[in-house]
Amino acid sequence: MTVRIVETAIDPAAEAAALSRGRTDIGAVVAFSGICRDSEGDEKISALTLEHYPGMAEAEIARHVEEAEARWPLLGVRVVHRVGRILPGETIVFVACASKHRRAAFEAAEFLMDYLKTRAPFWKKVEAASGTAWVEAHEKDDAAAARWKPASKRDAAE
């Protein structure tokens, strides 16, 4: 497992290659790169700024990676997340999961991205011509993450 929070550019190809380098037991690597868009809704943006609690954010992400490893037969996981000022076109987050078979890698990567989008301790501020604003969570992201809860916890929350 690799979990890193960085202030510099993320190279998705290098990260994916590092996950499987020298490994012959891996049959699938699923990688996701989240990229900063140039708009938020109808408004053009010039940058995003992401903040986090150092130490706490890495520990929380690692805890969710461990949950993914308990749910799926993974052979490796890499999560790299940017913080600081990020320009449109730059990679914000990279998640890759390796397994013997594709389904486990796909599901684990999606589980981790749903967590990162909704629960990870990051705060996002948008810079636009109209000023700066902190971004609130979206209901659609919460709904996507809710499907990973055990049925008993989903029922209790509803």
N, C-alpha and C. Protein backbone atom coordinates (compact mmCIF):
# COMPACT_ATOMS: atom_id res chain seq x y z
N MET A 1 0.84 -1.18 0.00
CA MET A 1 0.00 0.00 0.00
C MET A 1 0.89 1.24 0.00
N THR A 2 0.54 2.18 -0.85
CA THR A 2 1.22 3.46 -0.87
C THR A 2 0.16 4.55 -0.76
N VAL A 3 0.30 5.42 0.23
CA VAL A 3 -0.57 6.58 0.39
C VAL A 3 0.33 7.78 0.55
N ARG A 4 0.17 8.75 -0.37
CA ARG A 4 0.98 9.97 -0.30
C ARG A 4 0.11 11.19 -0.54
N ILE A 5 0.43 12.25 0.15
CA ILE A 5 -0.18 13.56 -0.12
C ILE A 5 0.98 14.46 -0.54
N VAL A 6 0.82 15.08 -1.71
CA VAL A 6 1.92 15.83 -2.30
C VAL A 6 1.48 17.23 -2.70
N GLU A 7 2.45 18.12 -2.80
CA GLU A 7 2.18 19.48 -3.28
C GLU A 7 2.70 19.68 -4.69
N THR A 8 3.25 18.64 -5.28
CA THR A 8 3.83 18.71 -6.62
C THR A 8 2.99 17.88 -7.59
N ALA A 9 3.29 18.01 -8.86
CA ALA A 9 2.54 17.31 -9.91
C ALA A 9 2.57 15.80 -9.70
N ILE A 10 1.47 15.16 -10.07
CA ILE A 10 1.35 13.70 -10.02
C ILE A 10 1.52 13.19 -11.45
N ASP A 11 2.35 12.15 -11.61
CA ASP A 11 2.55 11.51 -12.91
C ASP A 11 1.80 10.18 -12.90
N PRO A 12 0.55 10.14 -13.41
CA PRO A 12 -0.24 8.92 -13.35
C PRO A 12 0.43 7.71 -14.00
N ALA A 13 1.10 7.89 -15.13
CA ALA A 13 1.75 6.76 -15.80
C ALA A 13 2.86 6.17 -14.94
N ALA A 14 3.64 7.04 -14.32
CA ALA A 14 4.73 6.56 -13.46
C ALA A 14 4.17 5.86 -12.22
N GLU A 15 3.10 6.39 -11.66
CA GLU A 15 2.49 5.77 -10.49
C GLU A 15 1.93 4.38 -10.82
N ALA A 16 1.24 4.26 -11.95
CA ALA A 16 0.69 2.96 -12.36
C ALA A 16 1.81 1.96 -12.63
N ALA A 17 2.86 2.42 -13.29
CA ALA A 17 3.99 1.53 -13.59
C ALA A 17 4.66 1.05 -12.30
N ALA A 18 4.80 1.93 -11.33
CA ALA A 18 5.44 1.56 -10.06
C ALA A 18 4.64 0.50 -9.32
N LEU A 19 3.33 0.53 -9.47
CA LEU A 19 2.48 -0.43 -8.78
C LEU A 19 2.72 -1.86 -9.25
N SER A 20 2.96 -2.03 -10.53
CA SER A 20 3.09 -3.40 -11.07
C SER A 20 4.51 -3.78 -11.48
N ARG A 21 5.45 -2.86 -11.33
CA ARG A 21 6.83 -3.13 -11.75
C ARG A 21 7.38 -4.38 -11.06
N GLY A 22 7.88 -5.33 -11.88
CA GLY A 22 8.50 -6.54 -11.36
C GLY A 22 7.52 -7.57 -10.82
N ARG A 23 6.24 -7.35 -11.00
CA ARG A 23 5.22 -8.26 -10.46
C ARG A 23 4.66 -9.12 -11.58
N THR A 24 4.64 -10.41 -11.39
CA THR A 24 4.03 -11.31 -12.38
C THR A 24 2.74 -11.92 -11.84
N ASP A 25 2.40 -11.62 -10.59
CA ASP A 25 1.18 -12.15 -10.00
C ASP A 25 -0.03 -11.25 -10.26
N ILE A 26 0.20 -10.05 -10.76
CA ILE A 26 -0.88 -9.09 -11.01
C ILE A 26 -1.47 -9.34 -12.39
N GLY A 27 -2.81 -9.48 -12.43
CA GLY A 27 -3.49 -9.68 -13.71
C GLY A 27 -4.28 -8.46 -14.14
N ALA A 28 -4.47 -7.50 -13.24
CA ALA A 28 -5.25 -6.31 -13.58
C ALA A 28 -4.79 -5.13 -12.72
N VAL A 29 -4.68 -3.99 -13.36
CA VAL A 29 -4.46 -2.73 -12.65
C VAL A 29 -5.52 -1.76 -13.16
N VAL A 30 -6.32 -1.24 -12.24
CA VAL A 30 -7.31 -0.22 -12.58
C VAL A 30 -6.82 1.08 -11.97
N ALA A 31 -6.69 2.10 -12.81
CA ALA A 31 -6.19 3.39 -12.35
C ALA A 31 -7.21 4.48 -12.68
N PHE A 32 -7.33 5.42 -11.75
CA PHE A 32 -8.19 6.57 -11.94
C PHE A 32 -7.39 7.82 -11.65
N SER A 33 -7.52 8.80 -12.53
CA SER A 33 -6.90 10.12 -12.32
C SER A 33 -8.00 11.16 -12.31
N GLY A 34 -8.10 11.90 -11.23
CA GLY A 34 -9.03 13.02 -11.14
C GLY A 34 -8.29 14.28 -11.54
N ILE A 35 -8.85 15.01 -12.50
CA ILE A 35 -8.17 16.16 -13.10
C ILE A 35 -8.97 17.43 -12.82
N CYS A 36 -8.29 18.49 -12.51
CA CYS A 36 -8.93 19.78 -12.26
C CYS A 36 -9.56 20.31 -13.55
N ARG A 37 -10.87 20.55 -13.49
CA ARG A 37 -11.59 21.14 -14.64
C ARG A 37 -11.41 22.66 -14.65
N ASP A 38 -11.79 23.28 -15.76
CA ASP A 38 -11.72 24.74 -15.84
C ASP A 38 -13.06 25.41 -15.53
N SER A 39 -14.01 24.63 -15.00
CA SER A 39 -15.29 25.21 -14.63
C SER A 39 -15.88 24.45 -13.46
N GLU A 40 -16.69 25.14 -12.70
CA GLU A 40 -17.46 24.56 -11.59
C GLU A 40 -18.88 25.01 -11.84
N GLY A 41 -19.73 24.09 -12.28
CA GLY A 41 -21.07 24.50 -12.71
C GLY A 41 -20.94 25.31 -13.99
N ASP A 42 -21.57 26.48 -14.02
CA ASP A 42 -21.51 27.34 -15.20
C ASP A 42 -20.37 28.35 -15.13
N GLU A 43 -19.64 28.37 -14.03
CA GLU A 43 -18.62 29.38 -13.83
C GLU A 43 -17.22 28.86 -14.18
N LYS A 44 -16.48 29.66 -14.92
CA LYS A 44 -15.08 29.35 -15.22
C LYS A 44 -14.25 29.52 -13.96
N ILE A 45 -13.31 28.63 -13.75
CA ILE A 45 -12.44 28.76 -12.59
C ILE A 45 -10.99 28.88 -13.04
N SER A 46 -10.19 29.53 -12.21
CA SER A 46 -8.77 29.68 -12.54
C SER A 46 -7.90 28.71 -11.75
N ALA A 47 -8.42 28.21 -10.61
CA ALA A 47 -7.65 27.25 -9.82
C ALA A 47 -8.50 26.69 -8.69
N LEU A 48 -8.02 25.59 -8.13
CA LEU A 48 -8.57 25.03 -6.89
C LEU A 48 -7.46 25.07 -5.86
N THR A 49 -7.83 25.23 -4.62
CA THR A 49 -6.87 25.08 -3.53
C THR A 49 -7.41 24.01 -2.61
N LEU A 50 -6.60 22.99 -2.36
CA LEU A 50 -6.99 21.92 -1.44
C LEU A 50 -6.15 22.00 -0.19
N GLU A 51 -6.83 21.88 0.95
CA GLU A 51 -6.16 21.87 2.24
C GLU A 51 -6.49 20.56 2.95
N HIS A 52 -5.64 20.19 3.92
CA HIS A 52 -5.84 18.96 4.68
C HIS A 52 -5.17 19.08 6.04
N TYR A 53 -5.45 18.11 6.90
CA TYR A 53 -4.73 17.99 8.16
C TYR A 53 -3.60 17.00 7.94
N PRO A 54 -2.33 17.46 7.90
CA PRO A 54 -1.21 16.54 7.71
C PRO A 54 -1.21 15.46 8.79
N GLY A 55 -0.90 14.26 8.39
CA GLY A 55 -0.88 13.13 9.31
C GLY A 55 -2.25 12.49 9.44
N MET A 56 -3.27 13.28 9.76
CA MET A 56 -4.62 12.74 9.88
C MET A 56 -5.16 12.28 8.53
N ALA A 57 -4.95 13.07 7.50
CA ALA A 57 -5.47 12.72 6.18
C ALA A 57 -4.84 11.41 5.69
N GLU A 58 -3.53 11.28 5.83
CA GLU A 58 -2.86 10.05 5.39
C GLU A 58 -3.37 8.84 6.17
N ALA A 59 -3.54 9.00 7.48
CA ALA A 59 -4.02 7.89 8.32
C ALA A 59 -5.44 7.49 7.94
N GLU A 60 -6.29 8.45 7.67
CA GLU A 60 -7.68 8.14 7.28
C GLU A 60 -7.72 7.45 5.92
N ILE A 61 -6.93 7.93 4.98
CA ILE A 61 -6.89 7.28 3.67
C ILE A 61 -6.36 5.85 3.82
N ALA A 62 -5.30 5.67 4.60
CA ALA A 62 -4.73 4.33 4.82
C ALA A 62 -5.77 3.41 5.44
N ARG A 63 -6.57 3.93 6.36
CA ARG A 63 -7.61 3.11 6.99
C ARG A 63 -8.61 2.61 5.95
N HIS A 64 -8.97 3.46 5.00
CA HIS A 64 -9.91 3.05 3.95
C HIS A 64 -9.26 2.12 2.94
N VAL A 65 -7.97 2.29 2.69
CA VAL A 65 -7.26 1.33 1.84
C VAL A 65 -7.27 -0.04 2.52
N GLU A 66 -7.04 -0.07 3.82
CA GLU A 66 -7.08 -1.35 4.55
C GLU A 66 -8.47 -1.98 4.46
N GLU A 67 -9.52 -1.16 4.50
CA GLU A 67 -10.88 -1.70 4.33
C GLU A 67 -11.05 -2.28 2.93
N ALA A 68 -10.53 -1.59 1.91
CA ALA A 68 -10.61 -2.12 0.55
C ALA A 68 -9.85 -3.45 0.45
N GLU A 69 -8.70 -3.52 1.09
CA GLU A 69 -7.91 -4.76 1.06
C GLU A 69 -8.63 -5.90 1.78
N ALA A 70 -9.45 -5.57 2.78
CA ALA A 70 -10.23 -6.60 3.47
C ALA A 70 -11.43 -7.06 2.64
N ARG A 71 -11.97 -6.16 1.81
CA ARG A 71 -13.15 -6.49 1.00
C ARG A 71 -12.81 -7.21 -0.29
N TRP A 72 -11.68 -6.88 -0.89
CA TRP A 72 -11.31 -7.43 -2.19
C TRP A 72 -9.91 -8.03 -2.13
N PRO A 73 -9.64 -9.04 -2.96
CA PRO A 73 -8.30 -9.66 -2.97
C PRO A 73 -7.30 -8.82 -3.77
N LEU A 74 -6.83 -7.76 -3.16
CA LEU A 74 -5.93 -6.82 -3.83
C LEU A 74 -4.48 -7.24 -3.64
N LEU A 75 -3.68 -6.94 -4.64
CA LEU A 75 -2.24 -7.22 -4.58
C LEU A 75 -1.43 -5.94 -4.44
N GLY A 76 -2.08 -4.81 -4.50
CA GLY A 76 -1.41 -3.53 -4.33
C GLY A 76 -2.37 -2.38 -4.52
N VAL A 77 -2.10 -1.26 -3.84
CA VAL A 77 -2.92 -0.05 -3.94
C VAL A 77 -1.99 1.15 -3.85
N ARG A 78 -2.25 2.14 -4.70
CA ARG A 78 -1.54 3.43 -4.62
C ARG A 78 -2.59 4.53 -4.63
N VAL A 79 -2.47 5.43 -3.66
CA VAL A 79 -3.31 6.63 -3.60
C VAL A 79 -2.36 7.81 -3.44
N VAL A 80 -2.45 8.74 -4.39
CA VAL A 80 -1.65 9.95 -4.33
C VAL A 80 -2.62 11.12 -4.50
N HIS A 81 -2.59 12.05 -3.55
CA HIS A 81 -3.54 13.18 -3.57
C HIS A 81 -2.75 14.48 -3.47
N ARG A 82 -3.12 15.43 -4.32
CA ARG A 82 -2.50 16.76 -4.29
C ARG A 82 -3.15 17.63 -3.24
N VAL A 83 -2.38 18.56 -2.71
CA VAL A 83 -2.88 19.66 -1.90
C VAL A 83 -2.20 20.92 -2.41
N GLY A 84 -2.69 22.06 -1.97
CA GLY A 84 -2.14 23.33 -2.44
C GLY A 84 -2.95 23.84 -3.62
N ARG A 85 -2.37 24.76 -4.36
CA ARG A 85 -3.05 25.39 -5.50
C ARG A 85 -2.87 24.52 -6.74
N ILE A 86 -3.99 24.19 -7.38
CA ILE A 86 -4.00 23.27 -8.52
C ILE A 86 -4.69 23.98 -9.68
N LEU A 87 -4.04 23.98 -10.83
CA LEU A 87 -4.57 24.65 -12.02
C LEU A 87 -5.38 23.68 -12.88
N PRO A 88 -6.32 24.21 -13.68
CA PRO A 88 -7.06 23.34 -14.61
C PRO A 88 -6.10 22.53 -15.48
N GLY A 89 -6.43 21.26 -15.63
CA GLY A 89 -5.60 20.35 -16.42
C GLY A 89 -4.62 19.55 -15.57
N GLU A 90 -4.40 19.95 -14.33
CA GLU A 90 -3.48 19.22 -13.46
C GLU A 90 -4.22 18.10 -12.72
N THR A 91 -3.50 17.03 -12.43
CA THR A 91 -4.08 15.89 -11.72
C THR A 91 -4.22 16.23 -10.24
N ILE A 92 -5.41 15.99 -9.70
CA ILE A 92 -5.71 16.22 -8.29
C ILE A 92 -5.46 14.95 -7.48
N VAL A 93 -5.91 13.83 -8.03
CA VAL A 93 -5.83 12.56 -7.29
C VAL A 93 -5.57 11.41 -8.25
N PHE A 94 -4.81 10.45 -7.76
CA PHE A 94 -4.54 9.22 -8.51
C PHE A 94 -4.81 8.05 -7.59
N VAL A 95 -5.62 7.10 -8.05
CA VAL A 95 -5.90 5.87 -7.30
C VAL A 95 -5.69 4.71 -8.25
N ALA A 96 -4.93 3.72 -7.82
CA ALA A 96 -4.75 2.50 -8.61
C ALA A 96 -4.84 1.30 -7.69
N CYS A 97 -5.54 0.28 -8.18
CA CYS A 97 -5.69 -0.97 -7.44
C CYS A 97 -5.26 -2.12 -8.36
N ALA A 98 -4.49 -3.04 -7.79
CA ALA A 98 -4.01 -4.20 -8.54
C ALA A 98 -4.56 -5.46 -7.90
N SER A 99 -4.90 -6.42 -8.76
CA SER A 99 -5.41 -7.70 -8.30
C SER A 99 -5.14 -8.75 -9.37
N LYS A 100 -5.48 -9.98 -9.08
CA LYS A 100 -5.34 -11.03 -10.08
C LYS A 100 -6.38 -10.85 -11.19
N HIS A 101 -7.56 -10.35 -10.81
CA HIS A 101 -8.67 -10.24 -11.76
C HIS A 101 -9.26 -8.83 -11.73
N ARG A 102 -9.85 -8.42 -12.84
CA ARG A 102 -10.29 -7.04 -13.03
C ARG A 102 -11.40 -6.59 -12.10
N ARG A 103 -12.38 -7.44 -11.81
CA ARG A 103 -13.54 -6.99 -11.02
C ARG A 103 -13.11 -6.44 -9.67
N ALA A 104 -12.23 -7.13 -8.98
CA ALA A 104 -11.76 -6.67 -7.66
C ALA A 104 -11.06 -5.31 -7.80
N ALA A 105 -10.24 -5.16 -8.83
CA ALA A 105 -9.51 -3.91 -9.03
C ALA A 105 -10.47 -2.76 -9.34
N PHE A 106 -11.45 -3.01 -10.20
CA PHE A 106 -12.44 -1.97 -10.54
C PHE A 106 -13.24 -1.55 -9.30
N GLU A 107 -13.78 -2.53 -8.58
CA GLU A 107 -14.63 -2.21 -7.44
C GLU A 107 -13.86 -1.51 -6.33
N ALA A 108 -12.65 -1.97 -6.05
CA ALA A 108 -11.85 -1.35 -5.00
C ALA A 108 -11.48 0.09 -5.36
N ALA A 109 -11.13 0.33 -6.62
CA ALA A 109 -10.78 1.69 -7.05
C ALA A 109 -11.99 2.61 -6.94
N GLU A 110 -13.16 2.11 -7.31
CA GLU A 110 -14.37 2.92 -7.21
C GLU A 110 -14.73 3.19 -5.75
N PHE A 111 -14.62 2.19 -4.90
CA PHE A 111 -14.85 2.35 -3.46
C PHE A 111 -13.94 3.44 -2.90
N LEU A 112 -12.65 3.39 -3.22
CA LEU A 112 -11.70 4.37 -2.70
C LEU A 112 -12.00 5.77 -3.22
N MET A 113 -12.35 5.90 -4.49
CA MET A 113 -12.67 7.23 -5.02
C MET A 113 -13.94 7.79 -4.39
N ASP A 114 -14.95 6.94 -4.16
CA ASP A 114 -16.16 7.43 -3.51
C ASP A 114 -15.84 7.93 -2.11
N TYR A 115 -14.96 7.22 -1.40
CA TYR A 115 -14.55 7.67 -0.08
C TYR A 115 -13.80 9.01 -0.18
N LEU A 116 -12.81 9.08 -1.09
CA LEU A 116 -12.01 10.31 -1.20
C LEU A 116 -12.88 11.51 -1.54
N LYS A 117 -13.88 11.30 -2.37
CA LYS A 117 -14.74 12.39 -2.81
C LYS A 117 -15.65 12.90 -1.69
N THR A 118 -16.03 12.01 -0.76
CA THR A 118 -17.05 12.39 0.21
C THR A 118 -16.57 12.48 1.65
N ARG A 119 -15.59 11.70 2.05
CA ARG A 119 -15.28 11.58 3.46
C ARG A 119 -13.84 11.92 3.83
N ALA A 120 -12.95 11.94 2.87
CA ALA A 120 -11.54 12.21 3.20
C ALA A 120 -11.41 13.64 3.73
N PRO A 121 -10.52 13.84 4.68
CA PRO A 121 -10.39 15.17 5.29
C PRO A 121 -9.61 16.16 4.42
N PHE A 122 -10.26 16.57 3.33
CA PHE A 122 -9.73 17.60 2.44
C PHE A 122 -10.78 18.69 2.31
N TRP A 123 -10.33 19.93 2.12
CA TRP A 123 -11.23 21.04 1.91
C TRP A 123 -10.81 21.73 0.62
N LYS A 124 -11.82 22.01 -0.23
CA LYS A 124 -11.56 22.54 -1.57
C LYS A 124 -12.14 23.93 -1.70
N LYS A 125 -11.29 24.85 -2.16
CA LYS A 125 -11.70 26.22 -2.41
C LYS A 125 -11.52 26.49 -3.91
N VAL A 126 -12.53 27.11 -4.52
CA VAL A 126 -12.51 27.43 -5.94
C VAL A 126 -12.18 28.90 -6.13
N GLU A 127 -11.28 29.18 -7.06
CA GLU A 127 -10.96 30.56 -7.45
C GLU A 127 -11.63 30.83 -8.79
N ALA A 128 -12.45 31.87 -8.84
CA ALA A 128 -13.14 32.25 -10.08
C ALA A 128 -13.13 33.77 -10.20
N ALA A 129 -13.61 34.27 -11.33
CA ALA A 129 -13.66 35.72 -11.54
C ALA A 129 -14.54 36.39 -10.49
N SER A 130 -15.56 35.66 -9.99
CA SER A 130 -16.47 36.23 -9.00
C SER A 130 -15.89 36.20 -7.58
N GLY A 131 -14.74 35.57 -7.41
CA GLY A 131 -14.11 35.48 -6.09
C GLY A 131 -13.77 34.04 -5.73
N THR A 132 -13.55 33.81 -4.45
CA THR A 132 -13.23 32.46 -3.99
C THR A 132 -14.37 31.94 -3.12
N ALA A 133 -14.55 30.61 -3.15
CA ALA A 133 -15.61 29.99 -2.34
C ALA A 133 -15.22 28.57 -2.00
N TRP A 134 -15.53 28.15 -0.77
CA TRP A 134 -15.32 26.77 -0.37
C TRP A 134 -16.41 25.91 -0.99
N VAL A 135 -16.05 24.74 -1.47
CA VAL A 135 -16.98 23.84 -2.15
C VAL A 135 -17.63 22.92 -1.12
N GLU A 136 -18.95 22.85 -1.17
CA GLU A 136 -19.71 21.95 -0.29
C GLU A 136 -19.83 20.58 -0.95
N ALA A 137 -20.09 19.58 -0.15
CA ALA A 137 -20.30 18.22 -0.65
C ALA A 137 -21.56 18.19 -1.51
N HIS A 138 -21.59 17.29 -2.48
CA HIS A 138 -22.74 17.12 -3.36
C HIS A 138 -23.52 15.88 -2.96
N GLU A 139 -24.85 15.95 -2.99
CA GLU A 139 -25.68 14.81 -2.62
C GLU A 139 -25.40 13.59 -3.49
N LYS A 140 -25.14 13.80 -4.78
CA LYS A 140 -24.90 12.66 -5.67
C LYS A 140 -23.63 11.90 -5.27
N ASP A 141 -22.63 12.61 -4.75
CA ASP A 141 -21.42 11.94 -4.28
C ASP A 141 -21.70 11.15 -3.01
N ASP A 142 -22.50 11.72 -2.11
CA ASP A 142 -22.87 11.01 -0.88
C ASP A 142 -23.65 9.74 -1.21
N ALA A 143 -24.56 9.84 -2.19
CA ALA A 143 -25.36 8.67 -2.59
C ALA A 143 -24.46 7.58 -3.18
N ALA A 144 -23.47 7.97 -3.96
CA ALA A 144 -22.55 6.99 -4.53
C ALA A 144 -21.77 6.28 -3.43
N ALA A 145 -21.33 7.01 -2.43
CA ALA A 145 -20.56 6.42 -1.34
C ALA A 145 -21.41 5.54 -0.45
N ALA A 146 -22.69 5.86 -0.31
CA ALA A 146 -23.57 5.11 0.59
C ALA A 146 -23.74 3.66 0.15
N ARG A 147 -23.58 3.37 -1.11
CA ARG A 147 -23.79 1.99 -1.57
C ARG A 147 -22.73 1.03 -1.05
N TRP A 148 -21.61 1.55 -0.54
CA TRP A 148 -20.55 0.69 -0.03
C TRP A 148 -20.75 0.32 1.43
N LYS A 149 -21.69 0.96 2.10
CA LYS A 149 -21.96 0.62 3.50
C LYS A 149 -22.63 -0.74 3.56
N PRO A 150 -22.36 -1.52 4.62
CA PRO A 150 -23.10 -2.77 4.78
C PRO A 150 -24.60 -2.48 4.85
N ALA A 151 -25.43 -3.39 4.38
CA ALA A 151 -26.88 -3.18 4.31
C ALA A 151 -27.45 -2.75 5.65
N SER A 152 -27.00 -3.32 6.75
CA SER A 152 -27.53 -2.97 8.08
C SER A 152 -27.27 -1.51 8.40
N LYS A 153 -26.10 -0.97 8.01
CA LYS A 153 -25.79 0.43 8.28
C LYS A 153 -26.55 1.36 7.35
N ARG A 154 -26.78 0.92 6.08
CA ARG A 154 -27.57 1.72 5.14
C ARG A 154 -28.99 1.87 5.66
N ASP A 155 -29.57 0.77 6.13
CA ASP A 155 -30.95 0.79 6.61
C ASP A 155 -31.07 1.69 7.84
N ALA A 156 -30.11 1.65 8.73
CA ALA A 156 -30.14 2.47 9.95
C ALA A 156 -30.03 3.95 9.63
N ALA A 157 -29.30 4.29 8.55
CA ALA A 157 -29.10 5.69 8.17
C ALA A 157 -30.33 6.27 7.49
N GLU A 158 -31.17 5.41 6.93
CA GLU A 158 -32.33 5.91 6.16
C GLU A 158 -33.54 6.17 7.00
